[in-house]
Amino acid sequence: MTPTLIDHQTRFFAAAMGGPASFDDDHLTRVHTNRGINEDAWNAVVTVLSKTLHDFNIESDDIQAILSAVGSKKDFIVQAN
């Protein structure tokens, strides 16, 4: 993973969780348009995120809160087929 991608995803997760980050819904839509991010790609990222949170023994309620917050941004990222 490149430093740029790590920074991008860190800011995305912070924004999704309501923290101080520079991503709003319009920005998410604008930067993900025409990137070809489909349902399969989204599911792969969510699966990795969930596994990582479990691997670090994050509390189940916190995992659900994080996945719910990230999931609330799906419509701004995934392109309809």
C-alpha atoms as a PDB file:
ATOM      1  CA  MET A   1       0.000   0.000   0.000  1.00  0.00           C
ATOM      2  CA  THR A   2       1.386   3.408  -0.910  1.00  0.00           C
ATOM      3  CA  PRO A   3       1.712   6.243   1.621  1.00  0.00           C
ATOM      4  CA  THR A   4      -0.834   8.234  -0.392  1.00  0.00           C
ATOM      5  CA  LEU A   5      -3.413   5.446  -0.203  1.00  0.00           C
ATOM      6  CA  ILE A   6      -2.775   4.961   3.509  1.00  0.00           C
ATOM      7  CA  ASP A   7      -3.332   8.696   4.076  1.00  0.00           C
ATOM      8  CA  HIS A   8      -6.468   8.651   1.920  1.00  0.00           C
ATOM      9  CA  GLN A   9      -8.011   5.718   3.746  1.00  0.00           C
ATOM     10  CA  THR A  10      -7.066   7.081   7.166  1.00  0.00           C
ATOM     11  CA  ARG A  11      -8.841  10.354   6.378  1.00  0.00           C
ATOM     12  CA  PHE A  12     -11.819   8.468   4.902  1.00  0.00           C
ATOM     13  CA  PHE A  13     -12.283   6.343   8.023  1.00  0.00           C
ATOM     14  CA  ALA A  14     -11.894   9.405  10.235  1.00  0.00           C
ATOM     15  CA  ALA A  15     -14.541  11.259   8.205  1.00  0.00           C
ATOM     16  CA  ALA A  16     -16.880   8.261   8.200  1.00  0.00           C
ATOM     17  CA  MET A  17     -16.614   8.073  11.988  1.00  0.00           C
ATOM     18  CA  GLY A  18     -17.390  11.794  12.366  1.00  0.00           C
ATOM     19  CA  GLY A  19     -13.831  12.845  13.085  1.00  0.00           C
ATOM     20  CA  PRO A  20     -11.761  15.698  11.764  1.00  0.00           C
ATOM     21  CA  ALA A  21     -11.183  14.930   8.109  1.00  0.00           C
ATOM     22  CA  SER A  22     -11.640  16.763   4.853  1.00  0.00           C
ATOM     23  CA  PHE A  23     -14.020  14.331   3.123  1.00  0.00           C
ATOM     24  CA  ASP A  24     -17.651  15.277   2.730  1.00  0.00           C
ATOM     25  CA  ASP A  25     -20.195  13.355   0.651  1.00  0.00           C
ATOM     26  CA  ASP A  26     -19.747  15.595  -2.404  1.00  0.00           C
ATOM     27  CA  HIS A  27     -15.999  15.067  -2.274  1.00  0.00           C
ATOM     28  CA  LEU A  28     -16.431  11.288  -2.004  1.00  0.00           C
ATOM     29  CA  THR A  29     -18.718  11.270  -5.038  1.00  0.00           C
ATOM     30  CA  ARG A  30     -16.420  13.506  -7.076  1.00  0.00           C
ATOM     31  CA  VAL A  31     -13.213  11.539  -6.442  1.00  0.00           C
ATOM     32  CA  HIS A  32     -14.768   8.104  -6.922  1.00  0.00           C
ATOM     33  CA  THR A  33     -16.754   8.814 -10.095  1.00  0.00           C
ATOM     34  CA  ASN A  34     -15.433   6.806 -13.051  1.00  0.00           C
ATOM     35  CA  ARG A  35     -13.078   4.766 -10.854  1.00  0.00           C
ATOM     36  CA  GLY A  36     -15.010   1.594 -11.598  1.00  0.00           C
ATOM     37  CA  ILE A  37     -15.567   0.743  -7.944  1.00  0.00           C
ATOM     38  CA  ASN A  38     -18.245  -1.915  -8.002  1.00  0.00           C
ATOM     39  CA  GLU A  39     -20.041  -3.994  -5.385  1.00  0.00           C
ATOM     40  CA  ASP A  40     -17.353  -6.699  -5.440  1.00  0.00           C
ATOM     41  CA  ALA A  41     -14.568  -4.181  -4.801  1.00  0.00           C
ATOM     42  CA  TRP A  42     -16.564  -2.565  -1.994  1.00  0.00           C
ATOM     43  CA  ASN A  43     -17.245  -5.932  -0.383  1.00  0.00           C
ATOM     44  CA  ALA A  44     -13.566  -6.854  -0.575  1.00  0.00           C
ATOM     45  CA  VAL A  45     -12.549  -3.684   1.269  1.00  0.00           C
ATOM     46  CA  VAL A  46     -15.238  -4.143   3.917  1.00  0.00           C
ATOM     47  CA  THR A  47     -14.165  -7.758   4.409  1.00  0.00           C
ATOM     48  CA  VAL A  48     -10.534  -6.757   4.923  1.00  0.00           C
ATOM     49  CA  LEU A  49     -11.573  -3.976   7.307  1.00  0.00           C
ATOM     50  CA  SER A  50     -13.771  -6.316   9.331  1.00  0.00           C
ATOM     51  CA  LYS A  51     -11.068  -8.990   9.516  1.00  0.00           C
ATOM     52  CA  THR A  52      -8.469  -6.435  10.569  1.00  0.00           C
ATOM     53  CA  LEU A  53     -10.691  -5.083  13.334  1.00  0.00           C
ATOM     54  CA  HIS A  54     -11.354  -8.612  14.575  1.00  0.00           C
ATOM     55  CA  ASP A  55      -7.637  -9.487  14.396  1.00  0.00           C
ATOM     56  CA  PHE A  56      -6.894  -6.523  16.669  1.00  0.00           C
ATOM     57  CA  ASN A  57      -9.568  -7.673  19.124  1.00  0.00           C
ATOM     58  CA  ILE A  58     -11.741  -4.611  18.722  1.00  0.00           C
ATOM     59  CA  GLU A  59     -15.004  -4.941  20.668  1.00  0.00           C
ATOM     60  CA  SER A  60     -17.880  -6.345  18.587  1.00  0.00           C
ATOM     61  CA  ASP A  61     -20.084  -3.298  19.232  1.00  0.00           C
ATOM     62  CA  ASP A  62     -17.278  -1.016  18.057  1.00  0.00           C
ATOM     63  CA  ILE A  63     -16.743  -3.113  14.934  1.00  0.00           C
ATOM     64  CA  GLN A  64     -20.435  -2.829  14.119  1.00  0.00           C
ATOM     65  CA  ALA A  65     -20.325   0.942  14.664  1.00  0.00           C
ATOM     66  CA  ILE A  66     -17.305   1.303  12.383  1.00  0.00           C
ATOM     67  CA  LEU A  67     -18.762  -0.905   9.643  1.00  0.00           C
ATOM     68  CA  SER A  68     -22.065   0.953   9.866  1.00  0.00           C
ATOM     69  CA  ALA A  69     -20.346   4.345   9.601  1.00  0.00           C
ATOM     70  CA  VAL A  70     -18.251   3.218   6.633  1.00  0.00           C
ATOM     71  CA  GLY A  71     -21.305   1.581   5.051  1.00  0.00           C
ATOM     72  CA  SER A  72     -23.183   4.870   5.220  1.00  0.00           C
ATOM     73  CA  LYS A  73     -20.732   6.221   2.615  1.00  0.00           C
ATOM     74  CA  LYS A  74     -21.146   3.347   0.154  1.00  0.00           C
ATOM     75  CA  ASP A  75     -23.575   5.164  -2.156  1.00  0.00           C
ATOM     76  CA  PHE A  76     -21.014   7.930  -2.662  1.00  0.00           C
ATOM     77  CA  ILE A  77     -18.252   5.494  -3.640  1.00  0.00           C
ATOM     78  CA  VAL A  78     -19.735   2.480  -5.460  1.00  0.00           C
ATOM     79  CA  GLN A  79     -20.738   3.015  -9.067  1.00  0.00           C
ATOM     80  CA  ALA A  80     -24.052   1.597 -10.243  1.00  0.00           C
ATOM     81  CA  ASN A  81     -23.679  -0.908 -13.084  1.00  0.00           C
END
